[in-house]
C-alpha atoms as a PDB file:
ATOM      1  CA  UNK A   1      26.637  10.388 -15.013  1.00  0.00           C
ATOM      2  CA  UNK A   2      24.499   8.703 -12.336  1.00  0.00           C
ATOM      3  CA  UNK A   3      25.983   5.984 -10.169  1.00  0.00           C
ATOM      4  CA  UNK A   4      24.682   2.574 -11.269  1.00  0.00           C
ATOM      5  CA  UNK A   5      23.574   1.866  -7.680  1.00  0.00           C
ATOM      6  CA  UNK A   6      20.953   4.620  -8.019  1.00  0.00           C
ATOM      7  CA  UNK A   7      19.408   2.889 -11.038  1.00  0.00           C
ATOM      8  CA  UNK A   8      18.866  -0.532  -9.522  1.00  0.00           C
ATOM      9  CA  UNK A   9      15.327  -1.536  -8.721  1.00  0.00           C
ATOM     10  CA  UNK A  10      14.746  -3.040  -5.309  1.00  0.00           C
ATOM     11  CA  UNK A  11      13.921  -6.729  -5.508  1.00  0.00           C
ATOM     12  CA  UNK A  12      10.446  -7.813  -4.462  1.00  0.00           C
ATOM     13  CA  UNK A  13      10.384  -9.265  -0.972  1.00  0.00           C
ATOM     14  CA  UNK A  14       8.232 -12.244  -0.258  1.00  0.00           C
ATOM     15  CA  UNK A  15       5.939 -12.021   2.771  1.00  0.00           C
ATOM     16  CA  UNK A  16       7.250 -13.909   5.769  1.00  0.00           C
ATOM     17  CA  UNK A  17       3.952 -15.248   7.039  1.00  0.00           C
ATOM     18  CA  UNK A  18       3.683 -17.034  10.394  1.00  0.00           C
ATOM     19  CA  UNK A  19       0.862 -19.190   8.986  1.00  0.00           C
ATOM     20  CA  UNK A  20       0.499 -21.513   6.022  1.00  0.00           C
ATOM     21  CA  UNK A  21      -1.079 -20.162   2.846  1.00  0.00           C
ATOM     22  CA  UNK A  22      -4.210 -21.838   1.556  1.00  0.00           C
ATOM     23  CA  UNK A  23      -3.662 -20.653  -2.033  1.00  0.00           C
ATOM     24  CA  UNK A  24      -0.643 -21.352  -4.245  1.00  0.00           C
ATOM     25  CA  UNK A  25       1.619 -18.583  -5.536  1.00  0.00           C
ATOM     26  CA  UNK A  26       4.036 -15.930  -4.359  1.00  0.00           C
ATOM     27  CA  UNK A  27       2.954 -13.214  -1.916  1.00  0.00           C
ATOM     28  CA  UNK A  28       5.013 -10.017  -1.749  1.00  0.00           C
ATOM     29  CA  UNK A  29       5.231  -7.204   0.789  1.00  0.00           C
ATOM     30  CA  UNK A  30       4.712  -3.897  -1.041  1.00  0.00           C
ATOM     31  CA  UNK A  31       7.240  -1.158  -0.246  1.00  0.00           C
ATOM     32  CA  UNK A  32       5.487   1.684   1.571  1.00  0.00           C
ATOM     33  CA  UNK A  33       6.183   5.359   2.234  1.00  0.00           C
ATOM     34  CA  UNK A  34       4.156   7.135   4.919  1.00  0.00           C
ATOM     35  CA  UNK A  35       4.037  10.878   5.472  1.00  0.00           C
ATOM     36  CA  UNK A  36       1.928  13.170   7.607  1.00  0.00           C
ATOM     37  CA  UNK A  37       0.414  16.650   7.686  1.00  0.00           C
ATOM     38  CA  UNK A  38      -1.676  18.269  10.399  1.00  0.00           C
ATOM     39  CA  UNK A  39      -4.828  16.956   8.743  1.00  0.00           C
ATOM     40  CA  UNK A  40      -3.915  13.579   7.232  1.00  0.00           C
ATOM     41  CA  UNK A  41      -1.549  10.625   7.107  1.00  0.00           C
ATOM     42  CA  UNK A  42      -0.796   9.438   3.566  1.00  0.00           C
ATOM     43  CA  UNK A  43       0.358   5.951   2.738  1.00  0.00           C
ATOM     44  CA  UNK A  44       1.952   5.158  -0.645  1.00  0.00           C
ATOM     45  CA  UNK A  45       2.286   1.451  -1.495  1.00  0.00           C
ATOM     46  CA  UNK A  46       4.211   0.243  -4.560  1.00  0.00           C
ATOM     47  CA  UNK A  47       2.141  -2.433  -6.285  1.00  0.00           C
ATOM     48  CA  UNK A  48       3.438  -2.614  -9.888  1.00  0.00           C
ATOM     49  CA  UNK A  49       1.331  -4.612 -12.294  1.00  0.00           C
ATOM     50  CA  UNK A  50      -1.806  -4.499 -10.128  1.00  0.00           C
ATOM     51  CA  UNK A  51      -4.977  -3.210 -11.825  1.00  0.00           C
ATOM     52  CA  UNK A  52      -7.479  -1.119  -9.847  1.00  0.00           C
ATOM     53  CA  UNK A  53     -10.015  -3.959 -10.027  1.00  0.00           C
ATOM     54  CA  UNK A  54      -7.495  -6.323  -8.422  1.00  0.00           C
ATOM     55  CA  UNK A  55      -6.870  -4.175  -5.321  1.00  0.00           C
ATOM     56  CA  UNK A  56      -8.687  -4.927  -2.085  1.00  0.00           C
ATOM     57  CA  UNK A  57      -8.599  -2.614   0.921  1.00  0.00           C
ATOM     58  CA  UNK A  58     -10.197  -4.005   4.046  1.00  0.00           C
ATOM     59  CA  UNK A  59     -10.748  -2.165   7.314  1.00  0.00           C
ATOM     60  CA  UNK A  60     -11.769  -4.300  10.252  1.00  0.00           C
ATOM     61  CA  UNK A  61     -11.263  -3.821  14.000  1.00  0.00           C
ATOM     62  CA  UNK A  62      -8.804  -0.972  13.440  1.00  0.00           C
ATOM     63  CA  UNK A  63      -6.615  -2.990  11.052  1.00  0.00           C
ATOM     64  CA  UNK A  64      -6.158  -1.749   7.476  1.00  0.00           C
ATOM     65  CA  UNK A  65      -5.272  -4.563   5.066  1.00  0.00           C
ATOM     66  CA  UNK A  66      -3.984  -3.897   1.545  1.00  0.00           C
ATOM     67  CA  UNK A  67      -3.898  -6.678  -1.016  1.00  0.00           C
ATOM     68  CA  UNK A  68      -3.685  -6.910  -4.777  1.00  0.00           C
ATOM     69  CA  UNK A  69      -3.004  -9.435  -7.515  1.00  0.00           C
ATOM     70  CA  UNK A  70      -0.806  -9.300 -10.601  1.00  0.00           C
ATOM     71  CA  UNK A  71      -2.146 -11.333 -13.490  1.00  0.00           C
ATOM     72  CA  UNK A  72       0.177 -12.995 -16.036  1.00  0.00           C
ATOM     73  CA  UNK A  73       0.856 -10.779 -19.066  1.00  0.00           C
ATOM     74  CA  UNK A  74       1.122 -13.408 -21.783  1.00  0.00           C
ATOM     75  CA  UNK A  75      -1.870 -14.628 -23.718  1.00  0.00           C
ATOM     76  CA  UNK A  76      -2.922 -18.248 -24.165  1.00  0.00           C
ATOM     77  CA  UNK A  77      -1.154 -18.510 -27.543  1.00  0.00           C
ATOM     78  CA  UNK A  78       2.118 -17.039 -26.216  1.00  0.00           C
ATOM     79  CA  UNK A  79       4.933 -18.843 -24.433  1.00  0.00           C
ATOM     80  CA  UNK A  80       7.536 -17.300 -22.126  1.00  0.00           C
ATOM     81  CA  UNK A  81      11.017 -16.703 -23.526  1.00  0.00           C
ATOM     82  CA  UNK A  82      12.343 -14.810 -20.508  1.00  0.00           C
ATOM     83  CA  UNK A  83      10.499 -13.670 -17.375  1.00  0.00           C
ATOM     84  CA  UNK A  84      11.971 -11.208 -14.864  1.00  0.00           C
ATOM     85  CA  UNK A  85       8.736  -9.688 -13.541  1.00  0.00           C
ATOM     86  CA  UNK A  86       7.379 -12.060 -10.933  1.00  0.00           C
ATOM     87  CA  UNK A  87       3.658 -12.731 -10.842  1.00  0.00           C
ATOM     88  CA  UNK A  88       1.924 -12.991  -7.489  1.00  0.00           C
ATOM     89  CA  UNK A  89      -0.009 -11.132  -4.835  1.00  0.00           C
ATOM     90  CA  UNK A  90       0.790  -8.146  -2.615  1.00  0.00           C
ATOM     91  CA  UNK A  91      -0.248  -8.132   1.036  1.00  0.00           C
ATOM     92  CA  UNK A  92       0.376  -5.721   3.923  1.00  0.00           C
ATOM     93  CA  UNK A  93      -1.443  -4.821   7.168  1.00  0.00           C
ATOM     94  CA  UNK A  94      -1.420  -1.691   9.348  1.00  0.00           C
ATOM     95  CA  UNK A  95      -2.951  -1.058  12.750  1.00  0.00           C
ATOM     96  CA  UNK A  96      -4.757   2.293  12.860  1.00  0.00           C
ATOM     97  CA  UNK A  97      -5.088   4.370  15.993  1.00  0.00           C
ATOM     98  CA  UNK A  98      -8.154   6.318  17.117  1.00  0.00           C
ATOM     99  CA  UNK A  99      -6.513   9.415  15.582  1.00  0.00           C
ATOM    100  CA  UNK A 100      -7.721   8.271  12.124  1.00  0.00           C
ATOM    101  CA  UNK A 101     -11.272   9.067  10.976  1.00  0.00           C
ATOM    102  CA  UNK A 102     -11.959   5.620   9.536  1.00  0.00           C
ATOM    103  CA  UNK A 103     -15.181   6.721   7.785  1.00  0.00           C
ATOM    104  CA  UNK A 104     -13.292   9.153   5.518  1.00  0.00           C
ATOM    105  CA  UNK A 105     -10.420   6.944   4.272  1.00  0.00           C
ATOM    106  CA  UNK A 106      -9.884   7.247   0.495  1.00  0.00           C
ATOM    107  CA  UNK A 107      -7.689   5.310  -1.936  1.00  0.00           C
ATOM    108  CA  UNK A 108      -6.454   5.788  -5.490  1.00  0.00           C
ATOM    109  CA  UNK A 109      -4.269   3.575  -7.699  1.00  0.00           C
ATOM    110  CA  UNK A 110      -2.146   5.295 -10.339  1.00  0.00           C
ATOM    111  CA  UNK A 111       0.855   3.934 -12.264  1.00  0.00           C
ATOM    112  CA  UNK A 112       1.339   1.021  -9.863  1.00  0.00           C
ATOM    113  CA  UNK A 113       1.261   3.182  -6.728  1.00  0.00           C
ATOM    114  CA  UNK A 114      -1.644   2.872  -4.297  1.00  0.00           C
ATOM    115  CA  UNK A 115      -2.250   6.144  -2.423  1.00  0.00           C
ATOM    116  CA  UNK A 116      -4.327   5.804   0.745  1.00  0.00           C
ATOM    117  CA  UNK A 117      -5.441   8.985   2.502  1.00  0.00           C
ATOM    118  CA  UNK A 118      -6.026   8.524   6.221  1.00  0.00           C
ATOM    119  CA  UNK A 119      -7.697  11.733   7.460  1.00  0.00           C
ATOM    120  CA  UNK A 120      -7.271  12.598  11.100  1.00  0.00           C
ATOM    121  CA  UNK A 121     -10.329  12.819  13.325  1.00  0.00           C
ATOM    122  CA  UNK A 122     -11.409  16.327  14.349  1.00  0.00           C
ATOM    123  CA  UNK A 123     -10.404  15.664  17.969  1.00  0.00           C
ATOM    124  CA  UNK A 124      -6.829  14.953  16.814  1.00  0.00           C
ATOM    125  CA  UNK A 125      -6.414  18.114  14.706  1.00  0.00           C
ATOM    126  CA  UNK A 126      -4.214  20.842  16.137  1.00  0.00           C
ATOM    127  CA  UNK A 127      -5.956  24.018  17.232  1.00  0.00           C
ATOM    128  CA  UNK A 128      -4.994  27.382  18.606  1.00  0.00           C
ATOM    129  CA  UNK A 129      -6.049  28.380  22.066  1.00  0.00           C
ATOM    130  CA  UNK A 130      -6.793  32.068  22.503  1.00  0.00           C
ATOM    131  CA  UNK A 131      -5.091  33.767  25.413  1.00  0.00           C
ATOM    132  CA  UNK A 132      -6.993  36.537  27.143  1.00  0.00           C
ATOM    133  CA  UNK A 133      -6.033  39.007  29.829  1.00  0.00           C
ATOM    134  CA  UNK A 134      -7.844  39.360  33.110  1.00  0.00           C
END
């Protein structure tokens, strides 16, 4: 039997912003996993409850900004009995280096996970150097 600690979901963490928000509501920092191959860096951001149309990915001055909104689930005729899933926005920023080919960045949202592919520029790809004899 699995240890109950393994089954606990991590609580959402609210963004600790150094500036005041201009819009009401909670803002969360999405949990992110980043992994790398020779050709690409992949970023996975957990954004449960966010629909593809509510995700915004902005790239400006080498800074990649991810944001998304979760809309309330209940309809106008429904009233809350118990609410554990918090409604709000997700927001996270990353500084990209010149290693990333910014023109070829791709993103896909599936089952609450945003997958952002950050392909490496040709100049950053590893290559073999042939050795010759004199």
